[in-house]
Amino acid sequence: MRLSRWSFDRKNRIRGYFDKFPNSTIYFKRIKRYYSVYSLDWCQEDPMVTMEDREEMQQLLNKEIGRLEAYENRKSREHL
């Protein structure tokens, strides 16, 4: 999966677009120093979004904007 493009939305949110889900918009919200999937406008033409897809999308976006280290060091990661 690749991050096709992204843009800032209002209220500390980012809209992300991925090649695996070309017709869907994924919204990310900032949590402390990294961004996490908040919601999505899913199109039925795209495959279902799995937890593994969501994890990969979060990694790709945080890497793109320079916050991958904060994302990988988050507290919730300790429970995985």
Protein backbone atom coordinates (compact mmCIF):
# COMPACT_ATOMS: atom_id res chain seq x y z
CA MET A 1 0.00 0.00 0.00
CA ARG A 2 1.19 3.53 -0.75
CA LEU A 3 0.09 6.94 0.50
CA SER A 4 -1.11 8.66 -2.70
CA ARG A 5 -1.61 12.11 -1.20
CA TRP A 6 -2.61 13.88 1.98
CA SER A 7 -3.80 17.31 3.06
CA PHE A 8 -4.61 19.14 6.24
CA ASP A 9 -8.25 19.36 7.22
CA ARG A 10 -9.74 21.47 9.97
CA LYS A 11 -9.22 20.98 13.71
CA ASN A 12 -5.89 19.09 13.68
CA ARG A 13 -7.09 16.48 11.21
CA ILE A 14 -5.44 15.16 8.06
CA ARG A 15 -7.15 13.61 5.05
CA GLY A 16 -5.23 10.70 3.56
CA TYR A 17 -5.67 8.88 0.27
CA PHE A 18 -4.15 5.45 -0.39
CA ASP A 19 -3.69 3.47 -3.60
CA LYS A 20 -5.36 0.38 -2.13
CA PHE A 21 -8.52 2.43 -1.34
CA PRO A 22 -8.64 4.95 -4.23
CA ASN A 23 -12.29 5.93 -3.71
CA SER A 24 -12.18 6.33 0.09
CA THR A 25 -10.99 9.19 2.28
CA ILE A 26 -9.26 8.33 5.55
CA TYR A 27 -9.28 10.95 8.32
CA PHE A 28 -6.49 11.10 10.89
CA LYS A 29 -6.58 12.98 14.17
CA ARG A 30 -3.59 14.07 16.20
CA ILE A 31 -3.01 12.28 19.50
CA LYS A 32 -0.15 13.90 21.41
CA ARG A 33 2.73 13.80 18.89
CA TYR A 34 1.39 11.42 16.23
CA TYR A 35 -1.68 10.88 14.04
CA SER A 36 -4.12 7.98 14.24
CA VAL A 37 -7.07 6.93 12.04
CA TYR A 38 -10.11 8.78 13.33
CA SER A 39 -12.77 7.96 10.73
CA LEU A 40 -13.20 7.19 7.07
CA ASP A 41 -15.53 7.81 4.17
CA TRP A 42 -15.46 4.31 2.76
CA CYS A 43 -16.67 3.59 -0.77
CA GLN A 44 -18.21 0.18 -1.51
CA GLU A 45 -16.05 -0.10 -4.63
CA ASP A 46 -12.99 -0.41 -2.37
CA PRO A 47 -12.05 -3.49 -0.32
CA MET A 48 -12.91 -3.61 3.38
CA VAL A 49 -10.43 -1.85 5.66
CA THR A 50 -8.86 -4.31 8.10
CA MET A 51 -6.99 -3.59 11.32
CA GLU A 52 -3.74 -4.45 9.51
CA ASP A 53 -4.60 -1.91 6.78
CA ARG A 54 -5.32 0.70 9.42
CA GLU A 55 -1.98 0.05 11.16
CA GLU A 56 -0.12 0.33 7.85
CA MET A 57 -1.93 3.57 6.95
CA GLN A 58 -1.00 5.09 10.30
CA GLN A 59 2.65 4.10 9.81
CA LEU A 60 2.77 5.50 6.27
CA LEU A 61 1.20 8.84 7.20
CA ASN A 62 3.31 9.35 10.33
CA LYS A 63 6.45 8.50 8.35
CA GLU A 64 5.49 10.99 5.64
CA ILE A 65 5.03 13.86 8.11
CA GLY A 66 8.03 13.01 10.29
CA ARG A 67 6.22 11.59 13.31
CA LEU A 68 6.98 7.88 12.92
CA GLU A 69 9.20 7.73 16.02
CA ALA A 70 6.44 9.19 18.22
CA TYR A 71 3.94 6.77 16.67
CA GLU A 72 6.15 3.74 17.33
CA ASN A 73 6.79 4.82 20.94
CA ARG A 74 3.12 5.34 21.86
CA LYS A 75 1.88 3.81 25.12
CA SER A 76 -0.83 1.70 23.47
CA ARG A 77 1.91 -0.12 21.57
CA GLU A 78 2.99 -1.76 24.87
CA HIS A 79 -0.23 -3.80 24.84
CA LEU A 80 0.29 -5.25 21.36
